[in-house]
Protein backbone atom coordinates (compact mmCIF):
# COMPACT_ATOMS: atom_id res chain seq x y z
CA UNK A 1 88.16 91.26 67.15
CA UNK A 2 90.99 88.89 66.25
CA UNK A 3 91.12 85.34 67.58
CA UNK A 4 94.30 83.34 68.12
CA UNK A 5 94.99 79.84 69.42
CA UNK A 6 98.03 78.72 71.37
CA UNK A 7 99.07 75.77 73.49
CA UNK A 8 100.31 77.89 76.41
CA UNK A 9 99.57 81.54 77.08
CA UNK A 10 101.95 83.21 79.53
CA UNK A 11 100.66 86.46 81.01
CA UNK A 12 103.55 88.60 82.21
CA UNK A 13 107.15 88.81 80.98
CA UNK A 14 109.20 89.26 84.10
CA UNK A 15 111.76 86.62 85.10
CA UNK A 16 109.07 84.00 85.79
CA UNK A 17 107.38 84.58 82.45
CA UNK A 18 110.67 84.59 80.55
CA UNK A 19 111.76 81.31 82.16
CA UNK A 20 108.35 79.78 81.47
CA UNK A 21 108.63 80.85 77.83
CA UNK A 22 112.06 79.25 77.52
CA UNK A 23 111.11 75.95 79.13
CA UNK A 24 107.80 75.71 77.28
CA UNK A 25 109.33 76.40 73.88
CA UNK A 26 112.18 73.95 74.48
CA UNK A 27 109.62 71.23 75.22
CA UNK A 28 108.21 71.82 71.72
CA UNK A 29 105.00 73.39 73.03
CA UNK A 30 104.66 76.86 71.48
CA UNK A 31 103.98 79.61 74.01
CA UNK A 32 102.77 83.17 73.50
CA UNK A 33 103.80 85.71 76.12
CA UNK A 34 101.70 88.81 76.82
CA UNK A 35 103.34 91.80 78.51
CA UNK A 36 101.49 95.09 78.95
CA UNK A 37 104.54 97.26 79.75
CA UNK A 38 108.09 96.07 79.06
CA UNK A 39 109.69 92.65 78.86
CA UNK A 40 111.56 92.26 82.12
CA UNK A 41 108.82 93.62 84.36
CA UNK A 42 109.66 95.21 87.69
CA UNK A 43 113.28 93.99 87.45
CA UNK A 44 113.90 96.87 85.05
CA UNK A 45 113.55 99.29 87.98
CA UNK A 46 116.77 97.78 89.37
CA UNK A 47 120.04 99.07 87.97
CA UNK A 48 122.44 96.24 88.75
CA UNK A 49 122.06 92.61 89.80
CA UNK A 50 124.80 91.00 91.90
CA UNK A 51 123.06 87.89 93.21
CA UNK A 52 121.97 86.03 90.08
CA UNK A 53 124.02 82.83 89.66
CA UNK A 54 126.50 82.69 86.79
CA UNK A 55 127.53 86.35 86.79
CA UNK A 56 130.41 86.72 89.28
CA UNK A 57 130.85 90.41 88.46
CA UNK A 58 127.13 91.12 88.35
CA UNK A 59 125.05 92.17 85.36
CA UNK A 60 122.86 95.12 84.41
CA UNK A 61 119.19 94.26 84.96
CA UNK A 62 118.03 95.26 81.44
CA UNK A 63 120.80 93.17 79.88
CA UNK A 64 119.86 90.07 81.90
CA UNK A 65 116.20 90.41 80.94
CA UNK A 66 117.07 90.93 77.26
CA UNK A 67 119.28 87.83 77.29
CA UNK A 68 116.43 85.81 78.77
CA UNK A 69 114.07 87.09 76.09
CA UNK A 70 116.48 86.30 73.25
CA UNK A 71 117.04 82.81 74.62
CA UNK A 72 113.30 82.10 74.74
CA UNK A 73 112.79 83.54 71.23
CA UNK A 74 115.57 81.33 69.88
CA UNK A 75 113.45 78.29 70.71
CA UNK A 76 110.22 79.71 69.30
CA UNK A 77 108.54 81.75 72.05
CA UNK A 78 106.48 84.68 70.76
CA UNK A 79 106.24 87.96 72.69
CA UNK A 80 103.24 90.26 72.24
CA UNK A 81 102.84 93.75 73.72
CA UNK A 82 99.27 93.68 75.01
CA UNK A 83 97.31 93.61 78.27
CA UNK A 84 95.14 90.69 79.33
CA UNK A 85 91.77 91.94 80.58
CA UNK A 86 89.69 88.83 81.25
CA UNK A 87 90.36 85.14 81.86
CA UNK A 88 87.65 82.50 81.56
CA UNK A 89 87.58 78.72 81.54
CA UNK A 90 86.25 76.93 78.47
CA UNK A 91 85.62 73.31 77.53
CA UNK A 92 88.95 73.15 75.73
CA UNK A 93 91.03 75.30 78.06
CA UNK A 94 90.94 79.05 78.63
CA UNK A 95 89.74 82.20 76.90
CA UNK A 96 91.69 85.44 77.41
CA UNK A 97 90.62 88.80 76.00
CA UNK A 98 93.07 91.68 75.70
CA UNK A 99 93.08 95.46 75.47
CA UNK A 100 94.21 95.06 71.86
CA UNK A 101 90.89 93.36 70.93
CA UNK A 102 92.43 89.93 70.61
CA UNK A 103 90.89 86.74 71.99
CA UNK A 104 93.31 83.98 72.85
CA UNK A 105 92.13 80.39 73.08
CA UNK A 106 94.77 78.62 75.15
CA UNK A 107 95.14 75.05 76.27
CA UNK A 108 96.92 76.24 79.42
CA UNK A 109 97.62 79.61 81.06
CA UNK A 110 100.55 80.62 83.26
CA UNK A 111 100.03 83.79 85.29
CA UNK A 112 103.31 85.61 85.99
CA UNK A 113 102.01 89.14 86.55
CA UNK A 114 104.18 89.71 89.63
CA UNK A 115 103.64 92.43 92.22
CA UNK A 116 103.86 96.20 92.31
CA UNK A 117 105.15 98.49 95.05
CA UNK A 118 102.61 99.94 97.47
CA UNK A 119 102.08 103.68 97.06
CA UNK A 120 103.23 106.16 99.67
CA UNK A 121 100.40 106.33 102.25
CA UNK A 122 99.97 110.10 102.43
CA UNK A 123 97.13 112.18 100.98
CA UNK A 124 99.60 114.23 98.92
CA UNK A 125 100.89 111.20 96.99
CA UNK A 126 99.11 111.96 93.73
CA UNK A 127 99.97 115.68 93.96
CA UNK A 128 103.72 115.08 94.20
CA UNK A 129 104.09 111.91 92.15
CA UNK A 130 106.54 112.81 89.40
CA UNK A 131 107.38 116.01 91.28
CA UNK A 132 109.64 114.43 93.83
CA UNK A 133 107.79 111.26 94.77
CA UNK A 134 109.35 108.41 92.82
CA UNK A 135 109.11 104.64 92.73
CA UNK A 136 112.33 104.02 90.83
CA UNK A 137 115.75 105.22 91.95
CA UNK A 138 117.39 103.84 88.82
CA UNK A 139 115.03 105.93 86.70
CA UNK A 140 115.13 109.19 88.66
CA UNK A 141 118.33 109.34 90.74
CA UNK A 142 120.08 111.59 88.21
CA UNK A 143 117.50 114.33 88.76
CA UNK A 144 118.52 114.67 92.39
CA UNK A 145 122.30 114.53 92.16
CA UNK A 146 123.87 116.51 94.99
CA UNK A 147 120.56 116.88 96.81
CA UNK A 148 119.14 115.26 99.98
CA UNK A 149 116.54 112.54 99.48
CA UNK A 150 114.57 110.04 101.56
CA UNK A 151 113.81 106.37 100.98
CA UNK A 152 110.70 104.88 102.59
CA UNK A 153 110.73 101.11 103.13
CA UNK A 154 112.41 98.40 105.16
CA UNK A 155 113.09 95.52 102.77
CA UNK A 156 115.72 94.60 100.22
CA UNK A 157 114.27 96.95 97.63
CA UNK A 158 114.59 99.92 99.99
CA UNK A 159 118.23 99.11 100.71
CA UNK A 160 119.04 98.68 97.02
CA UNK A 161 117.33 101.99 96.19
CA UNK A 162 119.30 103.74 98.92
CA UNK A 163 122.59 102.29 97.67
CA UNK A 164 121.89 103.62 94.18
CA UNK A 165 120.92 107.07 95.47
CA UNK A 166 123.91 107.33 97.82
CA UNK A 167 126.27 107.41 94.84
CA UNK A 168 125.10 110.83 93.78
CA UNK A 169 122.84 112.41 96.41
CA UNK A 170 124.27 114.57 99.17
CA UNK A 171 122.36 112.63 101.84
CA UNK A 172 120.03 109.64 101.87
CA UNK A 173 117.72 109.12 104.83
CA UNK A 174 116.15 105.67 104.98
CA UNK A 175 112.85 105.71 106.86
CA UNK A 176 111.52 102.36 108.08
CA UNK A 177 108.83 101.36 110.61
CA UNK A 178 110.63 98.48 112.32
CA UNK A 179 113.69 98.39 114.55
CA UNK A 180 115.87 96.94 111.79
CA UNK A 181 115.94 96.62 108.03
CA UNK A 182 114.54 93.36 106.62
CA UNK A 183 117.16 92.84 103.94
CA UNK A 184 120.25 90.76 103.20
CA UNK A 185 122.82 91.49 105.95
CA UNK A 186 125.58 92.12 103.41
CA UNK A 187 123.51 94.88 101.78
CA UNK A 188 122.57 96.41 105.11
CA UNK A 189 126.22 96.54 106.11
CA UNK A 190 127.12 98.22 102.83
CA UNK A 191 124.46 100.83 103.49
CA UNK A 192 125.52 101.45 107.10
CA UNK A 193 129.12 102.00 106.02
CA UNK A 194 128.25 104.96 103.79
CA UNK A 195 128.90 108.37 105.36
CA UNK A 196 125.99 110.09 103.61
CA UNK A 197 123.31 107.62 104.74
CA UNK A 198 121.13 107.92 107.86
CA UNK A 199 118.73 105.24 109.07
CA UNK A 200 115.60 106.38 110.87
CA UNK A 201 113.81 103.44 112.47
CA UNK A 202 110.38 103.36 114.06
CA UNK A 203 109.07 106.04 111.73
CA UNK A 204 106.31 106.35 109.16
CA UNK A 205 105.53 109.05 106.58
CA UNK A 206 102.88 111.51 107.78
CA UNK A 207 102.87 114.15 105.03
CA UNK A 208 104.78 115.54 102.07
CA UNK A 209 105.12 119.31 101.71
CA UNK A 210 106.52 121.76 99.19
CA UNK A 211 105.72 124.51 96.71
CA UNK A 212 104.86 122.55 93.57
CA UNK A 213 107.50 119.94 94.30
CA UNK A 214 108.76 117.90 97.24
CA UNK A 215 110.66 119.96 99.79
CA UNK A 216 109.88 118.26 103.09
CA UNK A 217 108.83 114.86 104.42
CA UNK A 218 107.10 114.84 107.79
CA UNK A 219 107.51 111.66 109.82
CA UNK A 220 105.40 110.21 112.60
CA UNK A 221 107.65 108.56 115.19
CA UNK A 222 106.65 105.38 117.00
CA UNK A 223 108.20 106.78 120.18
CA UNK A 224 105.94 109.81 119.90
CA UNK A 225 106.08 113.14 118.16
CA UNK A 226 107.17 114.04 114.65
CA UNK A 227 110.32 114.81 112.70
CA UNK A 228 110.65 116.79 109.50
CA UNK A 229 113.21 115.95 106.83
CA UNK A 230 114.33 118.61 104.35
CA UNK A 231 114.50 116.56 101.14
CA UNK A 232 114.15 117.10 97.42
CA UNK A 233 112.63 113.69 96.75
CA UNK A 234 110.97 110.73 98.43
CA UNK A 235 111.72 107.34 96.90
CA UNK A 236 109.13 104.73 97.82
CA UNK A 237 110.24 101.11 98.23
CA UNK A 238 107.61 99.63 100.50
CA UNK A 239 105.95 96.22 100.54
CA UNK A 240 104.52 94.92 97.30
CA UNK A 241 100.96 94.32 96.16
CA UNK A 242 100.35 91.29 93.92
CA UNK A 243 98.89 92.05 90.49
CA UNK A 244 96.78 88.95 90.08
CA UNK A 245 93.46 90.64 89.35
CA UNK A 246 92.79 88.21 86.49
CA UNK A 247 92.53 85.39 89.02
CA UNK A 248 90.09 87.04 91.41
CA UNK A 249 87.18 84.75 92.08
CA UNK A 250 88.88 81.87 90.30
CA UNK A 251 91.56 80.69 92.72
CA UNK A 252 92.42 80.96 96.40
CA UNK A 253 94.37 84.04 97.52
CA UNK A 254 95.72 85.01 100.94
CA UNK A 255 94.96 88.14 102.96
CA UNK A 256 97.52 90.17 100.95
CA UNK A 257 96.15 88.98 97.62
CA UNK A 258 98.92 86.53 96.73
CA UNK A 259 97.82 83.36 94.95
CA UNK A 260 97.89 80.35 97.24
CA UNK A 261 99.75 77.78 95.16
CA UNK A 262 102.36 75.18 96.17
CA UNK A 263 105.84 74.78 94.71
CA UNK A 264 104.21 72.98 91.78
CA UNK A 265 102.59 76.37 90.90
CA UNK A 266 99.24 74.60 90.46
CA UNK A 267 96.29 76.84 91.37
CA UNK A 268 93.69 74.13 91.87
CA UNK A 269 92.23 74.71 88.39
CA UNK A 270 93.63 72.17 85.92
CA UNK A 271 95.82 73.89 83.34
CA UNK A 272 96.10 77.17 85.25
CA UNK A 273 99.39 78.00 86.99
CA UNK A 274 100.76 80.92 89.02
CA UNK A 275 104.50 81.61 89.02
CA UNK A 276 106.79 84.26 90.41
CA UNK A 277 105.93 87.11 92.75
CA UNK A 278 102.18 86.77 92.23
CA UNK A 279 102.38 83.49 94.19
CA UNK A 280 102.59 83.32 97.98
CA UNK A 281 106.17 82.43 98.88
CA UNK A 282 108.83 83.13 101.48
CA UNK A 283 111.50 84.54 99.15
CA UNK A 284 110.86 86.81 96.18
CA UNK A 285 113.99 87.04 94.07
CA UNK A 286 114.79 86.69 90.38
CA UNK A 287 116.19 83.23 90.98
CA UNK A 288 113.01 81.99 92.70
CA UNK A 289 110.82 83.54 90.01
CA UNK A 290 112.84 81.77 87.32
CA UNK A 291 112.46 78.47 89.19
CA UNK A 292 108.70 78.99 89.38
CA UNK A 293 108.51 79.71 85.67
CA UNK A 294 110.39 76.55 84.79
CA UNK A 295 108.15 74.42 87.01
CA UNK A 296 104.98 76.01 85.65
CA UNK A 297 106.08 75.47 82.05
CA UNK A 298 106.85 71.81 82.71
CA UNK A 299 103.45 71.33 84.36
CA UNK A 300 101.62 73.23 81.62
CA UNK A 301 103.39 71.32 78.85
CA UNK A 302 102.51 67.99 80.40
CA UNK A 303 98.90 69.10 80.85
CA UNK A 304 98.53 70.27 77.24
CA UNK A 305 100.12 67.15 75.76
CA UNK A 306 97.99 64.88 77.92
CA UNK A 307 94.82 66.69 76.85
CA UNK A 308 95.79 66.41 73.19
CA UNK A 309 96.42 62.67 73.53
CA UNK A 310 93.03 62.15 75.16
CA UNK A 311 91.31 64.02 72.34
CA UNK A 312 93.17 62.08 69.62
CA UNK A 313 92.42 58.76 71.36
CA UNK A 314 88.68 59.46 71.61
CA UNK A 315 86.79 57.33 69.06
CA UNK A 316 84.74 59.26 66.50
CA UNK A 317 81.00 58.78 66.68
């Protein structure tokens, strides 16, 4: 097992982690960033970003994430493809073990692991996943060009998925449990204006059916009864589940599992910070994740430098 030492270890390379890497490296405190999947995180499931400041014509999500990575690397941030498995406190900071058999000794840790979409709540989910049940319109829309599909969800992600699908699918039915969609009004209006989009409110998925692939989605209606949609795919864009398993038992979390941390991103454990979608907050957007990452990096840098000064000022016995 290999052992490495770093001032700041950032776990997760979505927008929060990328911003933390940039701000930490610019403050002359070298960070290492661990990412188990792809740099950019869940943002890569989005095709196009229109609401990030500085890009009046919008920008492709992968391009924005790659620019953030290159900017952080220019100032010395190091990115490592590996998965953090355990996180423990030590006398000098934190100890993190990874799936790649590496032990990191870090003066400070910033958790930016984000959140993942909740799976479709039907017993057939595992049977049809990859056979018509999808969690990424950007990834899979091309497979269903000219075909009818459904989107399940009521937030901004559901609306964005539906807008992507409506470009090529014959019909997009958006299924949501509430009376209205909980998304930016401008996006909702764009969706409502499309002739091949239908909104079905007060409905929840009851079952998925088909011979080896998705052919029908049965809905349970709040008003009573059921409705069956003839669709070739079901795209799931429901509420998110935080992926902060590393922090279980260490810090306070709310009923949904989000880390309870203020705008300072401090978790209550000195040197340990939570930034981005893993933290409880009212708005989860790229811009708020980036802000969290910058704050966390500033806090972590100050913490590490203060600890080093205290050690250097301690008289030798």
